[in-house]
């Protein structure tokens, strides 16, 4: 299946968001899907669109030169049970619907690898508990390889009455993979969640001995990025990334993770930090083992935040 060189402006729907009825493109059980040279903008900020594009079960998916913007209840690009994935030059952007300088977006890219029978009750072990796989399609393939590169995710900032669990990139139980040379900016919780949430959450044999490399990305002014996991058999490496005003978080405790950091740069600049990041106490979901410098900031008499100086020994 090929969807090439098209532009769409969705003007919304009169019904509430539903997983099937209000998803713009839904593909099931395909051998190969190619999406390229597409522009899709959600015309209304009412979150009545569920997913912009959802693919359930495929041998290979290629997404290239695609622009996705505006509000979605779930994610702009959602891939469930796809074996091999190549994503290149994709932009996910918020839209300033109210013309007030605040941008509304949906989740960016959600990838959930693995199979089940298509029954909602299928479960697997995670952190000593039985939990759902999150995959309901009967057409899901075993994980293969995946690349996300040269893409841009930005502007999820407008406050809303209900918290949306929107990551810029959410990758669950993937195969061998690389997230390379991407840029993330102004992705806040609330209203959204993390810039990158990457994990190995399943322990079946086909999910073991995998390796993920997150390299040469720039994450600027985002609440945090996360790397939960459940198996030491798999590895995640963050190498040569630049994190600016962005915290690291592991909301599953960290004891079962095998995460390696190599040659990353972390910068916290209080003169450039957005107001949404100065007080993280309002975050909708708790995280543990946070690594950041916000706890070290103080307010001098002038009221301008700064970092507490380190004492020399």
Protein backbone atom coordinates (compact mmCIF):
# COMPACT_ATOMS: atom_id res chain seq x y z
CA UNK A 1 0.00 0.00 0.00
CA UNK A 2 1.35 3.43 -0.98
CA UNK A 3 -0.06 6.85 0.02
CA UNK A 4 2.09 9.43 -1.83
CA UNK A 5 2.13 13.22 -2.22
CA UNK A 6 -1.12 14.40 -0.62
CA UNK A 7 -2.28 17.26 1.61
CA UNK A 8 -5.22 17.02 4.02
CA UNK A 9 -6.91 19.52 6.30
CA UNK A 10 -9.27 17.77 8.71
CA UNK A 11 -12.19 19.99 9.75
CA UNK A 12 -13.25 17.83 12.68
CA UNK A 13 -16.19 15.59 13.41
CA UNK A 14 -19.50 15.91 15.22
CA UNK A 15 -18.92 12.80 17.35
CA UNK A 16 -16.64 12.12 20.29
CA UNK A 17 -13.20 10.64 19.66
CA UNK A 18 -13.28 6.88 19.08
CA UNK A 19 -10.41 4.56 18.23
CA UNK A 20 -11.86 3.34 14.93
CA UNK A 21 -14.55 5.81 13.89
CA UNK A 22 -12.47 8.99 14.18
CA UNK A 23 -9.07 7.74 12.98
CA UNK A 24 -8.24 9.28 9.61
CA UNK A 25 -6.18 6.42 8.09
CA UNK A 26 -6.33 2.85 9.39
CA UNK A 27 -4.42 -0.01 7.73
CA UNK A 28 -4.63 -3.68 8.78
CA UNK A 29 -2.54 -6.75 7.90
CA UNK A 30 -0.36 -5.30 5.14
CA UNK A 31 2.79 -6.67 3.57
CA UNK A 32 4.32 -3.22 3.00
CA UNK A 33 3.05 0.30 3.64
CA UNK A 34 4.75 3.43 2.25
CA UNK A 35 3.68 6.91 3.40
CA UNK A 36 5.61 9.76 1.80
CA UNK A 37 5.24 13.44 0.91
CA UNK A 38 2.13 13.90 3.07
CA UNK A 39 0.82 16.98 4.89
CA UNK A 40 -2.00 16.35 7.39
CA UNK A 41 -3.25 19.15 9.65
CA UNK A 42 -6.05 18.72 12.16
CA UNK A 43 -8.24 21.76 11.58
CA UNK A 44 -9.80 21.87 15.05
CA UNK A 45 -8.26 21.72 18.50
CA UNK A 46 -11.07 19.66 20.03
CA UNK A 47 -9.24 16.29 20.20
CA UNK A 48 -12.08 14.48 18.42
CA UNK A 49 -9.64 12.81 16.06
CA UNK A 50 -8.29 9.64 17.69
CA UNK A 51 -5.20 8.77 15.63
CA UNK A 52 -4.18 10.48 12.42
CA UNK A 53 -2.59 7.32 10.99
CA UNK A 54 -2.76 3.86 12.56
CA UNK A 55 -1.23 0.69 11.10
CA UNK A 56 -2.10 -2.62 12.75
CA UNK A 57 0.07 -5.50 11.59
CA UNK A 58 2.54 -5.17 8.68
CA UNK A 59 5.82 -6.67 7.52
CA UNK A 60 7.38 -3.30 6.74
CA UNK A 61 6.36 0.35 7.09
CA UNK A 62 8.23 3.30 5.55
CA UNK A 63 7.27 6.87 6.51
CA UNK A 64 9.21 9.61 4.73
CA UNK A 65 8.76 13.39 4.27
CA UNK A 66 5.54 13.64 6.31
CA UNK A 67 4.14 16.65 8.22
CA UNK A 68 1.53 15.99 10.95
CA UNK A 69 0.07 18.83 13.00
CA UNK A 70 -2.62 19.70 15.50
CA UNK A 71 -4.73 17.90 18.07
CA UNK A 72 -5.37 14.17 18.34
CA UNK A 73 -6.87 12.27 21.24
CA UNK A 74 -4.16 9.63 20.91
CA UNK A 75 -1.22 9.78 18.46
CA UNK A 76 -0.49 11.14 15.01
CA UNK A 77 1.34 7.99 13.90
CA UNK A 78 0.57 4.74 15.72
CA UNK A 79 2.17 1.45 14.67
CA UNK A 80 1.07 -1.77 16.38
CA UNK A 81 2.66 -5.13 15.66
CA UNK A 82 4.76 -3.93 12.71
CA UNK A 83 7.93 -5.95 12.05
CA UNK A 84 10.32 -3.49 10.33
CA UNK A 85 9.96 0.30 10.51
CA UNK A 86 11.84 3.11 8.76
CA UNK A 87 10.85 6.70 9.61
CA UNK A 88 12.76 9.60 8.03
CA UNK A 89 12.14 13.36 7.89
CA UNK A 90 8.84 13.48 9.78
CA UNK A 91 7.63 16.62 11.54
CA UNK A 92 5.02 16.57 14.32
CA UNK A 93 3.91 20.08 15.27
CA UNK A 94 1.45 21.84 17.53
CA UNK A 95 -1.03 24.37 16.16
CA UNK A 96 -1.89 27.72 17.76
CA UNK A 97 -5.65 27.42 17.27
CA UNK A 98 -6.53 30.32 19.60
CA UNK A 99 -3.78 32.65 18.34
CA UNK A 100 -2.55 33.16 21.90
CA UNK A 101 0.96 31.79 21.49
CA UNK A 102 0.07 28.41 23.02
CA UNK A 103 0.20 25.30 20.86
CA UNK A 104 -2.01 22.21 20.87
CA UNK A 105 -0.74 18.87 19.62
CA UNK A 106 -1.38 15.15 19.93
CA UNK A 107 1.06 12.39 20.66
CA UNK A 108 3.81 12.08 18.07
CA UNK A 109 4.82 8.50 17.20
CA UNK A 110 3.68 5.45 19.19
CA UNK A 111 5.30 2.12 18.32
CA UNK A 112 4.30 -1.07 20.15
CA UNK A 113 5.96 -4.25 18.89
CA UNK A 114 4.93 -7.82 19.51
CA UNK A 115 2.01 -10.17 19.01
CA UNK A 116 -1.03 -11.57 20.76
CA UNK A 117 -4.23 -13.31 19.72
CA UNK A 118 -6.15 -10.08 19.32
CA UNK A 119 -7.98 -10.65 22.61
CA UNK A 120 -8.17 -7.75 25.02
CA UNK A 121 -7.33 -9.98 27.98
CA UNK A 122 -3.93 -11.14 26.69
CA UNK A 123 -1.33 -10.35 29.33
CA UNK A 124 2.38 -10.65 29.99
CA UNK A 125 4.64 -10.27 33.00
CA UNK A 126 6.00 -6.81 33.78
CA UNK A 127 7.65 -5.87 37.08
CA UNK A 128 6.27 -8.98 38.75
CA UNK A 129 2.69 -8.29 37.66
CA UNK A 130 0.52 -9.46 34.81
CA UNK A 131 -0.38 -6.54 32.55
CA UNK A 132 -1.92 -6.12 29.12
CA UNK A 133 0.23 -5.99 26.01
CA UNK A 134 -1.55 -2.93 24.62
CA UNK A 135 -1.85 -4.72 21.27
CA UNK A 136 -5.28 -5.91 20.19
CA UNK A 137 -4.84 -6.62 16.49
CA UNK A 138 -4.71 -10.30 15.48
CA UNK A 139 -2.34 -9.38 12.62
CA UNK A 140 0.67 -8.32 14.70
CA UNK A 141 4.16 -9.49 13.71
CA UNK A 142 7.16 -10.27 15.90
CA UNK A 143 9.57 -7.33 16.30
CA UNK A 144 12.28 -6.83 13.68
CA UNK A 145 14.27 -3.59 13.37
CA UNK A 146 13.37 0.08 13.55
CA UNK A 147 14.90 3.46 12.65
CA UNK A 148 13.57 6.95 13.45
CA UNK A 149 15.87 9.64 12.05
CA UNK A 150 16.10 13.27 10.90
CA UNK A 151 12.71 14.20 12.40
CA UNK A 152 11.35 17.19 14.35
CA UNK A 153 8.83 17.16 17.22
CA UNK A 154 7.75 20.44 18.75
CA UNK A 155 5.19 22.62 20.53
CA UNK A 156 2.86 20.78 22.86
CA UNK A 157 2.32 23.57 25.36
CA UNK A 158 -1.29 24.74 25.70
CA UNK A 159 -2.88 24.00 29.07
CA UNK A 160 -6.11 22.01 28.94
CA UNK A 161 -8.70 20.81 31.46
CA UNK A 162 -7.73 17.13 31.10
CA UNK A 163 -4.18 15.78 31.06
CA UNK A 164 -3.16 14.02 27.84
CA UNK A 165 -0.54 11.28 28.08
CA UNK A 166 1.20 12.36 24.88
CA UNK A 167 4.86 11.55 24.27
CA UNK A 168 6.67 12.91 21.25
CA UNK A 169 8.04 9.38 20.71
CA UNK A 170 6.71 6.38 22.66
CA UNK A 171 8.40 3.06 21.88
CA UNK A 172 7.31 -0.08 23.71
CA UNK A 173 8.93 -3.53 23.53
CA UNK A 174 10.74 -2.84 20.29
CA UNK A 175 13.30 -4.84 18.35
CA UNK A 176 16.81 -3.65 17.53
CA UNK A 177 16.54 0.04 16.83
CA UNK A 178 18.11 3.47 16.38
CA UNK A 179 16.67 6.90 17.19
CA UNK A 180 19.12 9.16 15.38
CA UNK A 181 19.56 12.86 14.63
CA UNK A 182 16.14 14.12 15.76
CA UNK A 183 15.15 17.41 17.44
CA UNK A 184 12.57 17.87 20.21
CA UNK A 185 11.46 21.29 21.49
CA UNK A 186 8.83 22.73 23.85
CA UNK A 187 7.18 19.45 24.81
CA UNK A 188 5.69 19.89 28.27
CA UNK A 189 3.94 17.82 30.92
CA UNK A 190 1.22 18.89 31.32
CA UNK A 191 -0.38 19.03 28.76
CA UNK A 192 1.67 16.24 27.16
CA UNK A 193 4.24 13.89 28.67
CA UNK A 194 7.85 13.10 27.74
CA UNK A 195 9.90 13.90 24.66
CA UNK A 196 11.11 10.28 24.44
CA UNK A 197 9.71 7.28 26.34
CA UNK A 198 11.65 4.17 25.36
CA UNK A 199 11.45 0.75 27.00
CA UNK A 200 11.57 -3.02 26.86
CA UNK A 201 8.43 -4.13 28.70
CA UNK A 202 7.97 -7.74 27.62
CA UNK A 203 9.91 -10.89 28.48
CA UNK A 204 8.83 -13.37 25.82
CA UNK A 205 11.76 -14.96 23.90
CA UNK A 206 11.17 -12.87 20.76
CA UNK A 207 11.68 -9.72 22.84
CA UNK A 208 15.09 -10.68 24.27
CA UNK A 209 18.66 -9.83 23.25
CA UNK A 210 17.66 -6.53 21.61
CA UNK A 211 19.58 -3.27 21.59
CA UNK A 212 18.41 0.33 21.24
CA UNK A 213 20.70 3.23 20.39
CA UNK A 214 19.54 6.82 20.94
CA UNK A 215 22.20 9.01 19.37
CA UNK A 216 22.88 12.59 18.21
CA UNK A 217 19.48 13.94 19.20
CA UNK A 218 18.74 17.41 20.58
CA UNK A 219 16.06 17.75 23.28
CA UNK A 220 15.48 21.37 24.22
CA UNK A 221 12.99 22.72 26.78
CA UNK A 222 11.09 19.50 27.43
CA UNK A 223 9.84 18.35 30.82
CA UNK A 224 11.76 15.08 30.62
CA UNK A 225 12.72 11.99 28.67
CA UNK A 226 12.26 8.49 30.11
CA UNK A 227 13.73 5.04 29.74
CA UNK A 228 11.88 2.43 31.79
CA UNK A 229 12.56 -1.23 31.23
CA UNK A 230 12.14 -4.66 32.72
CA UNK A 231 14.90 -6.94 31.45
CA UNK A 232 18.68 -6.82 31.76
CA UNK A 233 18.96 -9.01 28.68
CA UNK A 234 18.21 -5.94 26.56
CA UNK A 235 20.24 -2.76 26.38
CA UNK A 236 19.55 0.93 25.75
CA UNK A 237 22.37 3.36 24.96
CA UNK A 238 22.16 7.16 24.94
CA UNK A 239 25.20 8.48 23.08
CA UNK A 240 26.27 11.96 21.91
CA UNK A 241 22.93 13.61 22.69
CA UNK A 242 22.39 17.22 23.73
CA UNK A 243 19.84 17.85 26.51
CA UNK A 244 18.96 21.49 27.22
CA UNK A 245 16.64 22.30 30.13
CA UNK A 246 15.40 18.70 30.06
CA UNK A 247 15.35 16.23 32.94
CA UNK A 248 16.02 12.50 32.82
CA UNK A 249 13.46 10.26 34.49
CA UNK A 250 12.89 6.57 35.12
CA UNK A 251 9.40 5.98 36.40
CA UNK A 252 9.85 2.24 36.99
CA UNK A 253 12.56 2.54 39.61
CA UNK A 254 15.64 1.74 37.57
CA UNK A 255 16.63 -1.47 39.30
CA UNK A 256 16.00 -3.67 36.25
CA UNK A 257 17.36 -1.34 33.61
CA UNK A 258 20.48 -1.76 31.54
CA UNK A 259 20.95 1.79 30.26
CA UNK A 260 24.33 3.15 29.16
CA UNK A 261 25.18 6.84 28.81
CA UNK A 262 28.12 7.86 26.64
CA UNK A 263 29.31 11.39 25.75
CA UNK A 264 26.00 13.17 26.39
CA UNK A 265 25.80 16.88 27.23
CA UNK A 266 23.29 18.29 29.75
CA UNK A 267 22.75 22.05 29.96
CA UNK A 268 20.42 23.84 32.39
CA UNK A 269 20.16 27.56 31.59
CA UNK A 270 17.74 29.41 33.86
CA UNK A 271 17.87 32.51 31.67
CA UNK A 272 16.25 30.59 28.82
CA UNK A 273 14.00 28.11 30.61
CA UNK A 274 10.25 28.43 29.85
CA UNK A 275 7.90 29.09 32.81
CA UNK A 276 6.33 25.64 32.35
CA UNK A 277 9.59 23.99 33.41
CA UNK A 278 10.48 26.13 36.43
CA UNK A 279 8.09 24.29 38.72
CA UNK A 280 7.74 20.61 37.93
CA UNK A 281 5.58 19.97 41.01
CA UNK A 282 2.44 20.23 38.87
CA UNK A 283 3.34 17.25 36.69
CA UNK A 284 0.40 14.93 36.20
CA UNK A 285 2.35 11.68 36.63
CA UNK A 286 4.94 10.93 39.26
CA UNK A 287 8.39 9.71 38.31
CA UNK A 288 11.28 8.40 40.35
CA UNK A 289 15.05 8.77 40.21
CA UNK A 290 14.72 12.13 38.50
CA UNK A 291 18.04 13.56 37.37
CA UNK A 292 17.86 17.33 36.95
CA UNK A 293 19.08 20.59 38.38
CA UNK A 294 15.74 22.22 39.17
CA UNK A 295 16.06 21.22 42.83
CA UNK A 296 19.23 23.29 43.11
CA UNK A 297 17.79 26.59 41.94
CA UNK A 298 17.21 29.41 44.41
CA UNK A 299 15.55 32.81 44.14
CA UNK A 300 17.78 35.69 45.19
CA UNK A 301 16.46 39.03 46.38
CA UNK A 302 15.97 40.17 42.80
CA UNK A 303 13.53 37.29 42.24
CA UNK A 304 15.46 35.98 39.25
CA UNK A 305 16.05 32.20 39.47
CA UNK A 306 19.63 31.05 39.47
CA UNK A 307 21.60 27.97 40.42
CA UNK A 308 22.94 27.52 43.92
CA UNK A 309 26.76 27.72 43.70
CA UNK A 310 28.77 24.65 44.56
CA UNK A 311 31.05 24.86 47.61
CA UNK A 312 34.71 24.18 47.04
CA UNK A 313 36.37 21.74 49.41
